[in-house]
């Protein structure tokens, strides 16, 4: 369940993007050795804690694509469908 959040300024400075349903992605990898990017509508490099936050629009057509890269190894890509998520509407 993705709760509806209002006035979330941590995601964007644009007022239109400060309310909605947000998906938090967390990777528990040693980020010193691995570069992980996650993409929905835009690509985001995970912060130093391994976290990226995305605003979910039309969950039925959105996917989350995660790419892990490590020097000397083949890249690993995983694609997750959001269609199974339940999203709460604005009250």
PDB file of N, CA and C in Angstrom:
ATOM      1  N   UNK A   1       0.845  -1.174   0.000  1.00  0.00           N
ATOM      2  CA  UNK A   1       0.000   0.000   0.000  1.00  0.00           C
ATOM      3  C   UNK A   1       0.890   1.236   0.000  1.00  0.00           C
ATOM      4  N   UNK A   2       0.720   2.055  -1.016  1.00  0.00           N
ATOM      5  CA  UNK A   2       1.418   3.340  -1.052  1.00  0.00           C
ATOM      6  C   UNK A   2       0.458   4.403  -0.543  1.00  0.00           C
ATOM      7  N   UNK A   3       0.727   4.936   0.622  1.00  0.00           N
ATOM      8  CA  UNK A   3      -0.104   5.983   1.208  1.00  0.00           C
ATOM      9  C   UNK A   3       0.037   7.268   0.403  1.00  0.00           C
ATOM     10  N   UNK A   4      -1.011   8.083   0.407  1.00  0.00           N
ATOM     11  CA  UNK A   4      -0.960   9.396  -0.226  1.00  0.00           C
ATOM     12  C   UNK A   4      -0.276  10.350   0.745  1.00  0.00           C
ATOM     13  N   UNK A   5       0.710  11.095   0.266  1.00  0.00           N
ATOM     14  CA  UNK A   5       1.480  12.015   1.094  1.00  0.00           C
ATOM     15  C   UNK A   5       1.312  13.427   0.551  1.00  0.00           C
ATOM     16  N   UNK A   6       1.070  14.378   1.439  1.00  0.00           N
ATOM     17  CA  UNK A   6       0.966  15.792   1.055  1.00  0.00           C
ATOM     18  C   UNK A   6       2.170  16.558   1.573  1.00  0.00           C
ATOM     19  N   UNK A   7       2.533  17.594   0.850  1.00  0.00           N
ATOM     20  CA  UNK A   7       3.578  18.530   1.286  1.00  0.00           C
ATOM     21  C   UNK A   7       4.915  17.860   1.582  1.00  0.00           C
ATOM     22  N   UNK A   8       5.322  16.911   0.733  1.00  0.00           N
ATOM     23  CA  UNK A   8       6.603  16.227   0.902  1.00  0.00           C
ATOM     24  C   UNK A   8       7.662  16.986   0.106  1.00  0.00           C
ATOM     25  N   UNK A   9       8.345  17.895   0.752  1.00  0.00           N
ATOM     26  CA  UNK A   9       9.331  18.743   0.084  1.00  0.00           C
ATOM     27  C   UNK A   9      10.665  18.033  -0.131  1.00  0.00           C
ATOM     28  N   UNK A  10      10.865  16.877   0.486  1.00  0.00           N
ATOM     29  CA  UNK A  10      12.109  16.132   0.330  1.00  0.00           C
ATOM     30  C   UNK A  10      12.261  15.516  -1.045  1.00  0.00           C
ATOM     31  N   UNK A  11      11.160  15.406  -1.796  1.00  0.00           N
ATOM     32  CA  UNK A  11      11.232  14.807  -3.121  1.00  0.00           C
ATOM     33  C   UNK A  11      11.579  15.841  -4.191  1.00  0.00           C
ATOM     34  N   UNK A  12      10.962  17.015  -4.110  1.00  0.00           N
ATOM     35  CA  UNK A  12      11.147  18.020  -5.157  1.00  0.00           C
ATOM     36  C   UNK A  12      10.854  19.411  -4.617  1.00  0.00           C
ATOM     37  N   UNK A  13      11.469  20.401  -5.229  1.00  0.00           N
ATOM     38  CA  UNK A  13      11.164  21.787  -4.874  1.00  0.00           C
ATOM     39  C   UNK A  13       9.961  22.298  -5.659  1.00  0.00           C
ATOM     40  N   UNK A  14       9.491  21.509  -6.643  1.00  0.00           N
ATOM     41  CA  UNK A  14       8.310  21.883  -7.438  1.00  0.00           C
ATOM     42  C   UNK A  14       7.049  21.529  -6.673  1.00  0.00           C
ATOM     43  N   UNK A  15       6.195  22.519  -6.428  1.00  0.00           N
ATOM     44  CA  UNK A  15       4.971  22.316  -5.652  1.00  0.00           C
ATOM     45  C   UNK A  15       4.114  21.188  -6.218  1.00  0.00           C
ATOM     46  N   UNK A  16       4.018  21.072  -7.521  1.00  0.00           N
ATOM     47  CA  UNK A  16       3.179  20.047  -8.157  1.00  0.00           C
ATOM     48  C   UNK A  16       3.678  18.626  -7.873  1.00  0.00           C
ATOM     49  N   UNK A  17       4.939  18.471  -7.481  1.00  0.00           N
ATOM     50  CA  UNK A  17       5.507  17.148  -7.221  1.00  0.00           C
ATOM     51  C   UNK A  17       5.643  16.839  -5.732  1.00  0.00           C
ATOM     52  N   UNK A  18       5.050  17.689  -4.874  1.00  0.00           N
ATOM     53  CA  UNK A  18       5.205  17.527  -3.434  1.00  0.00           C
ATOM     54  C   UNK A  18       4.044  16.785  -2.783  1.00  0.00           C
ATOM     55  N   UNK A  19       3.115  16.285  -3.575  1.00  0.00           N
ATOM     56  CA  UNK A  19       2.018  15.469  -3.062  1.00  0.00           C
ATOM     57  C   UNK A  19       1.817  14.309  -4.013  1.00  0.00           C
ATOM     58  N   UNK A  20       1.459  13.159  -3.458  1.00  0.00           N
ATOM     59  CA  UNK A  20       1.218  11.988  -4.288  1.00  0.00           C
ATOM     60  C   UNK A  20       1.616  10.719  -3.566  1.00  0.00           C
ATOM     61  N   UNK A  21       1.803   9.674  -4.330  1.00  0.00           N
ATOM     62  CA  UNK A  21       2.215   8.380  -3.800  1.00  0.00           C
ATOM     63  C   UNK A  21       3.683   8.187  -4.150  1.00  0.00           C
ATOM     64  N   UNK A  22       4.497   7.840  -3.160  1.00  0.00           N
ATOM     65  CA  UNK A  22       5.936   7.721  -3.349  1.00  0.00           C
ATOM     66  C   UNK A  22       6.392   6.294  -3.061  1.00  0.00           C
ATOM     67  N   UNK A  23       7.313   5.832  -3.866  1.00  0.00           N
ATOM     68  CA  UNK A  23       7.901   4.512  -3.695  1.00  0.00           C
ATOM     69  C   UNK A  23       9.352   4.701  -3.272  1.00  0.00           C
ATOM     70  N   UNK A  24       9.725   4.086  -2.168  1.00  0.00           N
ATOM     71  CA  UNK A  24      11.101   4.150  -1.681  1.00  0.00           C
ATOM     72  C   UNK A  24      11.780   2.836  -2.043  1.00  0.00           C
ATOM     73  N   UNK A  25      12.919   2.936  -2.722  1.00  0.00           N
ATOM     74  CA  UNK A  25      13.714   1.770  -3.070  1.00  0.00           C
ATOM     75  C   UNK A  25      14.982   1.798  -2.238  1.00  0.00           C
ATOM     76  N   UNK A  26      15.311   0.672  -1.613  1.00  0.00           N
ATOM     77  CA  UNK A  26      16.518   0.577  -0.806  1.00  0.00           C
ATOM     78  C   UNK A  26      17.305  -0.658  -1.228  1.00  0.00           C
ATOM     79  N   UNK A  27      18.566  -0.470  -1.523  1.00  0.00           N
ATOM     80  CA  UNK A  27      19.451  -1.585  -1.870  1.00  0.00           C
ATOM     81  C   UNK A  27      20.442  -1.769  -0.742  1.00  0.00           C
ATOM     82  N   UNK A  28      20.548  -2.984  -0.269  1.00  0.00           N
ATOM     83  CA  UNK A  28      21.507  -3.249   0.809  1.00  0.00           C
ATOM     84  C   UNK A  28      22.743  -3.918   0.217  1.00  0.00           C
ATOM     85  N   UNK A  29      23.508  -3.117  -0.494  1.00  0.00           N
ATOM     86  CA  UNK A  29      24.753  -3.590  -1.097  1.00  0.00           C
ATOM     87  C   UNK A  29      25.887  -2.701  -0.604  1.00  0.00           C
ATOM     88  N   UNK A  30      27.102  -3.205  -0.705  1.00  0.00           N
ATOM     89  CA  UNK A  30      28.257  -2.391  -0.381  1.00  0.00           C
ATOM     90  C   UNK A  30      28.437  -1.402  -1.530  1.00  0.00           C
ATOM     91  N   UNK A  31      27.972  -0.186  -1.339  1.00  0.00           N
ATOM     92  CA  UNK A  31      27.964   0.795  -2.425  1.00  0.00           C
ATOM     93  C   UNK A  31      29.353   1.322  -2.766  1.00  0.00           C
ATOM     94  N   UNK A  32      30.365   0.923  -2.003  1.00  0.00           N
ATOM     95  CA  UNK A  32      31.739   1.285  -2.365  1.00  0.00           C
ATOM     96  C   UNK A  32      32.201   0.486  -3.575  1.00  0.00           C
ATOM     97  N   UNK A  33      31.653  -0.704  -3.748  1.00  0.00           N
ATOM     98  CA  UNK A  33      32.070  -1.596  -4.831  1.00  0.00           C
ATOM     99  C   UNK A  33      31.095  -1.634  -6.000  1.00  0.00           C
ATOM    100  N   UNK A  34      29.844  -1.239  -5.757  1.00  0.00           N
ATOM    101  CA  UNK A  34      28.779  -1.411  -6.746  1.00  0.00           C
ATOM    102  C   UNK A  34      28.112  -0.069  -7.004  1.00  0.00           C
ATOM    103  N   UNK A  35      27.820   0.214  -8.279  1.00  0.00           N
ATOM    104  CA  UNK A  35      27.019   1.384  -8.626  1.00  0.00           C
ATOM    105  C   UNK A  35      25.624   0.888  -8.970  1.00  0.00           C
ATOM    106  N   UNK A  36      24.623   1.407  -8.264  1.00  0.00           N
ATOM    107  CA  UNK A  36      23.241   0.998  -8.509  1.00  0.00           C
ATOM    108  C   UNK A  36      22.449   2.218  -8.935  1.00  0.00           C
ATOM    109  N   UNK A  37      21.761   2.087 -10.055  1.00  0.00           N
ATOM    110  CA  UNK A  37      20.852   3.135 -10.495  1.00  0.00           C
ATOM    111  C   UNK A  37      19.453   2.541 -10.567  1.00  0.00           C
ATOM    112  N   UNK A  38      18.478   3.371 -10.313  1.00  0.00           N
ATOM    113  CA  UNK A  38      17.081   2.950 -10.386  1.00  0.00           C
ATOM    114  C   UNK A  38      16.354   3.962 -11.250  1.00  0.00           C
ATOM    115  N   UNK A  39      15.439   3.482 -12.080  1.00  0.00           N
ATOM    116  CA  UNK A  39      14.749   4.374 -13.014  1.00  0.00           C
ATOM    117  C   UNK A  39      13.263   4.066 -13.047  1.00  0.00           C
ATOM    118  N   UNK A  40      12.465   5.128 -12.925  1.00  0.00           N
ATOM    119  CA  UNK A  40      11.042   5.057 -13.235  1.00  0.00           C
ATOM    120  C   UNK A  40      10.841   6.088 -14.342  1.00  0.00           C
ATOM    121  N   UNK A  41      10.379   7.271 -13.996  1.00  0.00           N
ATOM    122  CA  UNK A  41      10.255   8.314 -15.017  1.00  0.00           C
ATOM    123  C   UNK A  41      11.576   9.045 -15.214  1.00  0.00           C
ATOM    124  N   UNK A  42      12.452   8.966 -14.216  1.00  0.00           N
ATOM    125  CA  UNK A  42      13.795   9.535 -14.333  1.00  0.00           C
ATOM    126  C   UNK A  42      14.764   8.591 -13.656  1.00  0.00           C
ATOM    127  N   UNK A  43      16.022   8.684 -14.020  1.00  0.00           N
ATOM    128  CA  UNK A  43      17.046   7.837 -13.429  1.00  0.00           C
ATOM    129  C   UNK A  43      17.570   8.488 -12.159  1.00  0.00           C
ATOM    130  N   UNK A  44      17.767   7.686 -11.141  1.00  0.00           N
ATOM    131  CA  UNK A  44      18.278   8.182  -9.875  1.00  0.00           C
ATOM    132  C   UNK A  44      19.402   7.278  -9.396  1.00  0.00           C
ATOM    133  N   UNK A  45      20.522   7.878  -9.039  1.00  0.00           N
ATOM    134  CA  UNK A  45      21.588   7.121  -8.390  1.00  0.00           C
ATOM    135  C   UNK A  45      21.254   7.084  -6.907  1.00  0.00           C
ATOM    136  N   UNK A  46      21.396   5.941  -6.289  1.00  0.00           N
ATOM    137  CA  UNK A  46      21.046   5.806  -4.883  1.00  0.00           C
ATOM    138  C   UNK A  46      21.937   6.699  -4.030  1.00  0.00           C
ATOM    139  N   UNK A  47      21.365   7.203  -2.935  1.00  0.00           N
ATOM    140  CA  UNK A  47      22.165   8.039  -2.038  1.00  0.00           C
ATOM    141  C   UNK A  47      23.137   7.156  -1.254  1.00  0.00           C
ATOM    142  N   UNK A  48      23.899   7.751  -0.368  1.00  0.00           N
ATOM    143  CA  UNK A  48      24.936   7.008   0.350  1.00  0.00           C
ATOM    144  C   UNK A  48      24.373   5.918   1.260  1.00  0.00           C
ATOM    145  N   UNK A  49      23.083   5.982   1.568  1.00  0.00           N
ATOM    146  CA  UNK A  49      22.428   4.939   2.367  1.00  0.00           C
ATOM    147  C   UNK A  49      21.785   3.870   1.491  1.00  0.00           C
ATOM    148  N   UNK A  50      21.919   4.002   0.160  1.00  0.00           N
ATOM    149  CA  UNK A  50      21.339   3.022  -0.755  1.00  0.00           C
ATOM    150  C   UNK A  50      19.857   3.236  -1.014  1.00  0.00           C
ATOM    151  N   UNK A  51      19.395   4.487  -0.911  1.00  0.00           N
ATOM    152  CA  UNK A  51      17.966   4.792  -1.028  1.00  0.00           C
ATOM    153  C   UNK A  51      17.699   5.738  -2.191  1.00  0.00           C
ATOM    154  N   UNK A  52      16.604   5.480  -2.901  1.00  0.00           N
ATOM    155  CA  UNK A  52      16.082   6.393  -3.923  1.00  0.00           C
ATOM    156  C   UNK A  52      14.571   6.468  -3.739  1.00  0.00           C
ATOM    157  N   UNK A  53      14.001   7.656  -3.945  1.00  0.00           N
ATOM    158  CA  UNK A  53      12.563   7.869  -3.798  1.00  0.00           C
ATOM    159  C   UNK A  53      11.995   8.259  -5.147  1.00  0.00           C
ATOM    160  N   UNK A  54      10.856   7.640  -5.507  1.00  0.00           N
ATOM    161  CA  UNK A  54      10.184   7.918  -6.775  1.00  0.00           C
ATOM    162  C   UNK A  54       8.730   8.268  -6.521  1.00  0.00           C
ATOM    163  N   UNK A  55       8.201   9.169  -7.318  1.00  0.00           N
ATOM    164  CA  UNK A  55       6.785   9.519  -7.262  1.00  0.00           C
ATOM    165  C   UNK A  55       6.063   8.647  -8.279  1.00  0.00           C
ATOM    166  N   UNK A  56       5.037   7.938  -7.832  1.00  0.00           N
ATOM    167  CA  UNK A  56       4.307   7.003  -8.680  1.00  0.00           C
ATOM    168  C   UNK A  56       3.134   7.727  -9.332  1.00  0.00           C
ATOM    169  N   UNK A  57       3.073   7.637 -10.664  1.00  0.00           N
ATOM    170  CA  UNK A  57       1.952   8.207 -11.412  1.00  0.00           C
ATOM    171  C   UNK A  57       0.962   7.104 -11.710  1.00  0.00           C
ATOM    172  N   UNK A  58       0.902   6.668 -12.952  1.00  0.00           N
ATOM    173  CA  UNK A  58       0.023   5.571 -13.348  1.00  0.00           C
ATOM    174  C   UNK A  58       0.749   4.258 -13.086  1.00  0.00           C
ATOM    175  N   UNK A  59       0.457   3.639 -11.942  1.00  0.00           N
ATOM    176  CA  UNK A  59       1.182   2.437 -11.531  1.00  0.00           C
ATOM    177  C   UNK A  59       1.015   1.283 -12.510  1.00  0.00           C
ATOM    178  N   UNK A  60      -0.090   1.251 -13.251  1.00  0.00           N
ATOM    179  CA  UNK A  60      -0.332   0.137 -14.161  1.00  0.00           C
ATOM    180  C   UNK A  60       0.588   0.150 -15.369  1.00  0.00           C
ATOM    181  N   UNK A  61       1.131   1.321 -15.701  1.00  0.00           N
ATOM    182  CA  UNK A  61       2.032   1.390 -16.856  1.00  0.00           C
ATOM    183  C   UNK A  61       3.475   1.658 -16.446  1.00  0.00           C
ATOM    184  N   UNK A  62       3.739   1.804 -15.154  1.00  0.00           N
ATOM    185  CA  UNK A  62       5.097   2.111 -14.702  1.00  0.00           C
ATOM    186  C   UNK A  62       5.839   0.849 -14.280  1.00  0.00           C
ATOM    187  N   UNK A  63       7.144   0.914 -14.469  1.00  0.00           N
ATOM    188  CA  UNK A  63       8.039  -0.125 -13.979  1.00  0.00           C
ATOM    189  C   UNK A  63       9.200   0.546 -13.264  1.00  0.00           C
ATOM    190  N   UNK A  64       9.828  -0.197 -12.398  1.00  0.00           N
ATOM    191  CA  UNK A  64      11.049   0.245 -11.740  1.00  0.00           C
ATOM    192  C   UNK A  64      12.165  -0.628 -12.287  1.00  0.00           C
ATOM    193  N   UNK A  65      13.144   0.000 -12.925  1.00  0.00           N
ATOM    194  CA  UNK A  65      14.281  -0.720 -13.482  1.00  0.00           C
ATOM    195  C   UNK A  65      15.502  -0.429 -12.627  1.00  0.00           C
ATOM    196  N   UNK A  66      16.152  -1.481 -12.148  1.00  0.00           N
ATOM    197  CA  UNK A  66      17.323  -1.345 -11.285  1.00  0.00           C
ATOM    198  C   UNK A  66      18.511  -1.989 -11.994  1.00  0.00           C
ATOM    199  N   UNK A  67      19.613  -1.243 -12.074  1.00  0.00           N
ATOM    200  CA  UNK A  67      20.823  -1.742 -12.728  1.00  0.00           C
ATOM    201  C   UNK A  67      21.969  -1.678 -11.717  1.00  0.00           C
ATOM    202  N   UNK A  68      22.644  -2.809 -11.540  1.00  0.00           N
ATOM    203  CA  UNK A  68      23.818  -2.877 -10.661  1.00  0.00           C
ATOM    204  C   UNK A  68      25.048  -3.109 -11.527  1.00  0.00           C
ATOM    205  N   UNK A  69      26.081  -2.294 -11.283  1.00  0.00           N
ATOM    206  CA  UNK A  69      27.323  -2.401 -12.049  1.00  0.00           C
ATOM    207  C   UNK A  69      28.496  -2.521 -11.089  1.00  0.00           C
ATOM    208  N   UNK A  70      29.397  -3.432 -11.428  1.00  0.00           N
ATOM    209  CA  UNK A  70      30.628  -3.594 -10.661  1.00  0.00           C
ATOM    210  C   UNK A  70      31.745  -3.877 -11.646  1.00  0.00           C
ATOM    211  N   UNK A  71      32.832  -3.151 -11.476  1.00  0.00           N
ATOM    212  CA  UNK A  71      33.962  -3.314 -12.391  1.00  0.00           C
ATOM    213  C   UNK A  71      34.414  -4.766 -12.433  1.00  0.00           C
ATOM    214  N   UNK A  72      34.592  -5.276 -13.645  1.00  0.00           N
ATOM    215  CA  UNK A  72      35.049  -6.641 -13.829  1.00  0.00           C
ATOM    216  C   UNK A  72      33.932  -7.671 -13.865  1.00  0.00           C
ATOM    217  N   UNK A  73      32.677  -7.218 -13.691  1.00  0.00           N
ATOM    218  CA  UNK A  73      31.530  -8.127 -13.696  1.00  0.00           C
ATOM    219  C   UNK A  73      30.509  -7.668 -14.719  1.00  0.00           C
ATOM    220  N   UNK A  74      29.650  -8.586 -15.133  1.00  0.00           N
ATOM    221  CA  UNK A  74      28.567  -8.269 -16.043  1.00  0.00           C
ATOM    222  C   UNK A  74      27.489  -7.482 -15.282  1.00  0.00           C
ATOM    223  N   UNK A  75      26.920  -6.452 -15.929  1.00  0.00           N
ATOM    224  CA  UNK A  75      25.843  -5.685 -15.301  1.00  0.00           C
ATOM    225  C   UNK A  75      24.636  -6.580 -15.045  1.00  0.00           C
ATOM    226  N   UNK A  76      23.927  -6.287 -13.975  1.00  0.00           N
ATOM    227  CA  UNK A  76      22.695  -7.008 -13.641  1.00  0.00           C
ATOM    228  C   UNK A  76      21.541  -6.013 -13.691  1.00  0.00           C
ATOM    229  N   UNK A  77      20.497  -6.356 -14.456  1.00  0.00           N
ATOM    230  CA  UNK A  77      19.322  -5.497 -14.583  1.00  0.00           C
ATOM    231  C   UNK A  77      18.089  -6.267 -14.147  1.00  0.00           C
ATOM    232  N   UNK A  78      17.281  -5.640 -13.311  1.00  0.00           N
ATOM    233  CA  UNK A  78      16.005  -6.213 -12.863  1.00  0.00           C
ATOM    234  C   UNK A  78      14.914  -5.182 -13.127  1.00  0.00           C
ATOM    235  N   UNK A  79      13.778  -5.655 -13.655  1.00  0.00           N
ATOM    236  CA  UNK A  79      12.644  -4.784 -13.937  1.00  0.00           C
ATOM    237  C   UNK A  79      11.461  -5.251 -13.090  1.00  0.00           C
ATOM    238  N   UNK A  80      10.879  -4.320 -12.340  1.00  0.00           N
ATOM    239  CA  UNK A  80       9.756  -4.620 -11.462  1.00  0.00           C
ATOM    240  C   UNK A  80       8.512  -3.872 -11.938  1.00  0.00           C
ATOM    241  N   UNK A  81       7.415  -4.594 -12.107  1.00  0.00           N
ATOM    242  CA  UNK A  81       6.137  -3.978 -12.468  1.00  0.00           C
ATOM    243  C   UNK A  81       5.492  -3.391 -11.212  1.00  0.00           C
ATOM    244  N   UNK A  82       4.860  -2.250 -11.347  1.00  0.00           N
ATOM    245  CA  UNK A  82       4.160  -1.633 -10.218  1.00  0.00           C
ATOM    246  C   UNK A  82       2.672  -1.928 -10.241  1.00  0.00           C
ATOM    247  N   UNK A  83       2.215  -2.690 -11.217  1.00  0.00           N
ATOM    248  CA  UNK A  83       0.768  -2.906 -11.406  1.00  0.00           C
ATOM    249  C   UNK A  83       0.109  -3.592 -10.203  1.00  0.00           C
ATOM    250  N   UNK A  84       0.844  -4.327  -9.407  1.00  0.00           N
ATOM    251  CA  UNK A  84       0.263  -5.019  -8.265  1.00  0.00           C
ATOM    252  C   UNK A  84       0.167  -4.172  -7.011  1.00  0.00           C
ATOM    253  N   UNK A  85       0.685  -2.958  -7.048  1.00  0.00           N
ATOM    254  CA  UNK A  85       0.632  -2.081  -5.872  1.00  0.00           C
ATOM    255  C   UNK A  85      -0.766  -1.499  -5.670  1.00  0.00           C
ATOM    256  N   UNK A  86      -1.093  -1.279  -4.428  1.00  0.00           N
ATOM    257  CA  UNK A  86      -2.322  -0.556  -4.092  1.00  0.00           C
ATOM    258  C   UNK A  86      -1.922   0.859  -3.727  1.00  0.00           C
ATOM    259  N   UNK A  87      -2.577   1.846  -4.327  1.00  0.00           N
ATOM    260  CA  UNK A  87      -2.257   3.238  -4.012  1.00  0.00           C
ATOM    261  C   UNK A  87      -3.475   3.915  -3.384  1.00  0.00           C
ATOM    262  N   UNK A  88      -3.208   4.664  -2.344  1.00  0.00           N
ATOM    263  CA  UNK A  88      -4.250   5.408  -1.645  1.00  0.00           C
ATOM    264  C   UNK A  88      -4.519   6.711  -2.384  1.00  0.00           C
ATOM    265  N   UNK A  89      -5.773   7.076  -2.512  1.00  0.00           N
ATOM    266  CA  UNK A  89      -6.156   8.333  -3.167  1.00  0.00           C
ATOM    267  C   UNK A  89      -6.038   9.487  -2.184  1.00  0.00           C
ATOM    268  N   UNK A  90      -5.980  10.706  -2.735  1.00  0.00           N
ATOM    269  CA  UNK A  90      -5.989  11.898  -1.901  1.00  0.00           C
ATOM    270  C   UNK A  90      -7.341  11.977  -1.209  1.00  0.00           C
ATOM    271  N   UNK A  91      -7.337  12.390   0.033  1.00  0.00           N
ATOM    272  CA  UNK A  91      -8.602  12.481   0.796  1.00  0.00           C
ATOM    273  C   UNK A  91      -9.402  13.697   0.416  1.00  0.00           C
TER     274      UNK A  91
END
